[in-house]
């Protein structure tokens, strides 16, 4: 087996297209996962069981079914019900919804870790409940959960190749297409493997910097 640098050179334009799609899916999917996960966590703390029960059922179902099955359902079944989205939009929503059920648990743990004295102090100051959440509870909870949320960003990055199954040409999709067209598999797949390592490492550095900033 010989390494062909010409194949690498030919693949690079396709590679950068794949990187762009991968980063778009990761960034938008993370925003959905973080925002929706917080919504789920807050809804699970409502006193009304008619809210908690449906939220619990939905999140358990999403968390305990494979992401790939959910992507297929969104992309191939939902259009039959009149809801058609592009492949990338479907992938972003699918990965964001799936991981929101995990970030929900992270937020719940962070909220429960806030000392009871903080709640008591807010009550003693006669702060409205919404204001208590905004300025007392959530800022403290989010600082505690940044490392765990960062781990899920890396996990989402590793799951972006699944979007290839619904025709999204992210990094692995571009590598697979190039390999099939040129019958050269070693070079593009090696480049993709290195790219995942580099992106994961850079993301971890950024998350550590954010963690230190929030702590101090």
Protein backbone atom coordinates (compact mmCIF):
# COMPACT_ATOMS: atom_id res chain seq x y z
CA UNK A 1 0.00 0.00 0.00
CA UNK A 2 1.38 3.41 -1.01
CA UNK A 3 0.32 6.84 0.13
CA UNK A 4 -0.84 9.09 -2.71
CA UNK A 5 -0.47 12.81 -1.96
CA UNK A 6 -2.19 13.63 -5.24
CA UNK A 7 -5.34 11.93 -3.93
CA UNK A 8 -5.12 14.04 -0.77
CA UNK A 9 -4.77 17.19 -2.87
CA UNK A 10 -7.79 16.24 -5.00
CA UNK A 11 -9.84 15.43 -1.92
CA UNK A 12 -9.14 18.64 0.03
CA UNK A 13 -11.80 20.85 -1.67
CA UNK A 14 -14.41 18.20 -0.84
CA UNK A 15 -12.96 17.91 2.65
CA UNK A 16 -13.44 21.61 3.40
CA UNK A 17 -17.04 21.40 2.16
CA UNK A 18 -17.57 18.52 4.56
CA UNK A 19 -15.92 20.38 7.44
CA UNK A 20 -18.26 23.33 6.91
CA UNK A 21 -21.35 21.10 6.98
CA UNK A 22 -20.07 19.21 10.03
CA UNK A 23 -19.43 22.42 11.98
CA UNK A 24 -22.83 23.81 10.99
CA UNK A 25 -24.57 20.67 12.20
CA UNK A 26 -22.52 20.65 15.40
CA UNK A 27 -23.06 24.34 16.24
CA UNK A 28 -26.79 24.44 15.47
CA UNK A 29 -27.40 21.01 16.99
CA UNK A 30 -25.62 22.11 20.18
CA UNK A 31 -27.75 25.25 20.42
CA UNK A 32 -30.93 23.20 20.11
CA UNK A 33 -29.68 20.59 22.59
CA UNK A 34 -28.68 23.19 25.20
CA UNK A 35 -31.79 25.35 24.86
CA UNK A 36 -34.31 22.52 24.64
CA UNK A 37 -32.57 20.57 27.39
CA UNK A 38 -33.02 23.54 29.74
CA UNK A 39 -36.70 23.76 28.77
CA UNK A 40 -37.18 20.05 29.54
CA UNK A 41 -35.40 20.44 32.90
CA UNK A 42 -37.57 23.41 33.92
CA UNK A 43 -40.77 21.67 32.84
CA UNK A 44 -39.81 18.62 34.93
CA UNK A 45 -39.72 20.88 38.00
CA UNK A 46 -43.25 22.20 37.57
CA UNK A 47 -45.67 21.16 40.32
CA UNK A 48 -48.24 19.91 37.80
CA UNK A 49 -47.87 16.24 37.03
CA UNK A 50 -49.85 16.71 33.80
CA UNK A 51 -46.81 18.61 32.56
CA UNK A 52 -44.10 16.44 34.14
CA UNK A 53 -45.55 13.13 32.98
CA UNK A 54 -45.73 13.86 29.21
CA UNK A 55 -42.30 15.52 29.28
CA UNK A 56 -40.85 12.52 31.08
CA UNK A 57 -42.40 10.07 28.60
CA UNK A 58 -41.20 12.01 25.55
CA UNK A 59 -37.65 12.51 26.80
CA UNK A 60 -37.31 8.89 27.93
CA UNK A 61 -38.53 7.68 24.54
CA UNK A 62 -36.09 9.93 22.66
CA UNK A 63 -33.18 9.07 24.93
CA UNK A 64 -33.78 5.30 24.69
CA UNK A 65 -34.17 5.04 20.92
CA UNK A 66 -31.18 5.17 18.54
CA UNK A 67 -30.31 8.49 16.95
CA UNK A 68 -30.10 6.81 13.55
CA UNK A 69 -33.69 5.56 13.81
CA UNK A 70 -34.84 9.06 14.76
CA UNK A 71 -33.03 10.56 11.77
CA UNK A 72 -34.65 8.04 9.41
CA UNK A 73 -38.06 8.80 10.91
CA UNK A 74 -37.67 12.55 10.55
CA UNK A 75 -36.29 12.35 7.02
CA UNK A 76 -38.37 9.57 5.47
CA UNK A 77 -41.59 9.34 7.50
CA UNK A 78 -42.38 12.96 8.40
CA UNK A 79 -42.68 14.03 4.70
CA UNK A 80 -45.54 11.54 4.37
CA UNK A 81 -47.34 13.63 7.00
CA UNK A 82 -46.68 16.84 5.12
CA UNK A 83 -43.56 18.00 6.98
CA UNK A 84 -40.63 18.20 4.55
CA UNK A 85 -37.24 19.63 5.48
CA UNK A 86 -33.83 19.64 3.87
CA UNK A 87 -31.43 16.88 4.83
CA UNK A 88 -29.17 19.22 6.83
CA UNK A 89 -32.12 20.81 8.66
CA UNK A 90 -33.44 17.35 9.49
CA UNK A 91 -30.03 16.29 10.78
CA UNK A 92 -29.62 19.40 12.93
CA UNK A 93 -33.07 18.98 14.48
CA UNK A 94 -32.56 15.26 14.97
CA UNK A 95 -29.20 15.52 16.69
CA UNK A 96 -30.31 18.54 18.75
CA UNK A 97 -33.52 16.84 19.91
CA UNK A 98 -31.71 13.62 20.74
CA UNK A 99 -29.01 15.25 22.84
CA UNK A 100 -31.46 17.63 24.53
CA UNK A 101 -32.70 14.65 26.54
CA UNK A 102 -29.17 14.16 27.87
CA UNK A 103 -28.48 17.82 28.57
CA UNK A 104 -31.79 17.88 30.45
CA UNK A 105 -30.31 15.49 33.00
CA UNK A 106 -27.18 17.63 33.25
CA UNK A 107 -29.24 20.76 33.93
CA UNK A 108 -31.35 18.92 36.51
CA UNK A 109 -28.24 17.84 38.37
CA UNK A 110 -26.87 21.39 38.26
CA UNK A 111 -30.10 22.89 39.56
CA UNK A 112 -30.34 20.34 42.36
CA UNK A 113 -26.74 21.10 43.34
CA UNK A 114 -27.55 24.75 44.10
CA UNK A 115 -27.59 25.03 47.91
CA UNK A 116 -31.02 25.26 49.52
CA UNK A 117 -29.87 28.45 51.23
CA UNK A 118 -29.92 30.22 47.88
CA UNK A 119 -33.61 29.47 47.48
CA UNK A 120 -34.26 30.57 51.06
CA UNK A 121 -32.33 33.82 50.56
CA UNK A 122 -34.33 34.61 47.40
CA UNK A 123 -37.56 33.95 49.28
CA UNK A 124 -36.43 36.14 52.17
CA UNK A 125 -35.71 38.97 49.72
CA UNK A 126 -39.18 38.49 48.28
CA UNK A 127 -37.85 37.96 44.78
CA UNK A 128 -40.43 36.84 42.21
CA UNK A 129 -40.01 33.22 41.16
CA UNK A 130 -39.00 34.13 37.60
CA UNK A 131 -36.43 36.59 38.90
CA UNK A 132 -35.09 33.95 41.30
CA UNK A 133 -34.48 31.60 38.41
CA UNK A 134 -32.89 34.29 36.23
CA UNK A 135 -30.43 35.87 38.67
CA UNK A 136 -29.91 33.30 41.42
CA UNK A 137 -30.46 29.69 40.41
CA UNK A 138 -29.65 29.35 36.70
CA UNK A 139 -26.35 31.30 36.75
CA UNK A 140 -25.04 29.04 39.51
CA UNK A 141 -26.42 25.86 37.93
CA UNK A 142 -24.99 26.58 34.49
CA UNK A 143 -21.51 27.25 35.88
CA UNK A 144 -21.60 23.80 37.47
CA UNK A 145 -22.64 21.94 34.33
CA UNK A 146 -20.38 23.48 31.67
CA UNK A 147 -17.86 20.56 31.76
CA UNK A 148 -20.63 17.99 31.31
CA UNK A 149 -22.24 19.99 28.50
CA UNK A 150 -18.85 20.21 26.84
CA UNK A 151 -18.58 16.42 26.86
CA UNK A 152 -21.84 16.22 24.94
CA UNK A 153 -20.52 18.66 22.34
CA UNK A 154 -17.70 16.20 21.66
CA UNK A 155 -20.20 13.33 21.59
CA UNK A 156 -22.34 15.20 19.05
CA UNK A 157 -19.29 15.79 16.88
CA UNK A 158 -18.60 12.04 16.87
CA UNK A 159 -22.22 11.34 15.90
CA UNK A 160 -22.32 13.75 12.95
CA UNK A 161 -21.24 10.95 10.53
CA UNK A 162 -24.69 9.44 11.10
CA UNK A 163 -26.10 12.31 9.06
CA UNK A 164 -24.57 10.64 6.03
CA UNK A 165 -27.42 8.12 6.26
CA UNK A 166 -29.91 10.85 5.30
CA UNK A 167 -27.74 12.15 2.43
CA UNK A 168 -25.97 14.95 4.34
CA UNK A 169 -22.46 15.28 2.91
CA UNK A 170 -20.56 16.03 6.08
CA UNK A 171 -16.90 15.03 6.41
CA UNK A 172 -17.37 11.26 6.27
CA UNK A 173 -20.01 11.59 3.56
CA UNK A 174 -17.60 13.56 1.39
CA UNK A 175 -14.84 11.02 2.03
CA UNK A 176 -17.12 8.12 1.14
CA UNK A 177 -18.32 9.78 -2.06
CA UNK A 178 -14.78 10.66 -3.12
CA UNK A 179 -13.55 7.14 -2.36
CA UNK A 180 -16.28 5.53 -4.43
CA UNK A 181 -15.66 7.84 -7.37
CA UNK A 182 -11.85 7.51 -7.38
CA UNK A 183 -11.41 4.04 -5.81
CA UNK A 184 -9.03 5.50 -3.23
CA UNK A 185 -10.08 4.92 0.36
CA UNK A 186 -6.96 5.21 2.49
CA UNK A 187 -6.16 8.88 1.93
CA UNK A 188 -9.62 10.49 2.38
CA UNK A 189 -10.54 8.32 5.36
CA UNK A 190 -7.19 9.04 7.04
CA UNK A 191 -7.66 12.78 6.51
CA UNK A 192 -11.14 12.55 8.04
CA UNK A 193 -9.84 10.62 11.05
CA UNK A 194 -7.15 13.21 11.71
CA UNK A 195 -9.70 16.02 11.26
CA UNK A 196 -11.99 14.55 13.91
CA UNK A 197 -9.09 14.33 16.35
CA UNK A 198 -8.02 17.93 15.69
CA UNK A 199 -11.55 19.35 15.91
CA UNK A 200 -12.28 17.41 19.10
CA UNK A 201 -9.05 18.64 20.67
CA UNK A 202 -9.69 22.28 19.72
CA UNK A 203 -13.27 22.04 21.01
CA UNK A 204 -12.02 20.65 24.32
CA UNK A 205 -9.54 23.53 24.65
CA UNK A 206 -12.27 26.09 24.02
CA UNK A 207 -14.56 24.43 26.56
CA UNK A 208 -11.81 24.36 29.19
CA UNK A 209 -11.17 28.05 28.61
CA UNK A 210 -14.90 28.76 28.98
CA UNK A 211 -15.02 26.69 32.17
CA UNK A 212 -12.11 28.62 33.70
CA UNK A 213 -13.73 31.92 32.72
CA UNK A 214 -17.03 30.98 34.35
CA UNK A 215 -15.37 29.70 37.51
CA UNK A 216 -13.33 32.86 37.99
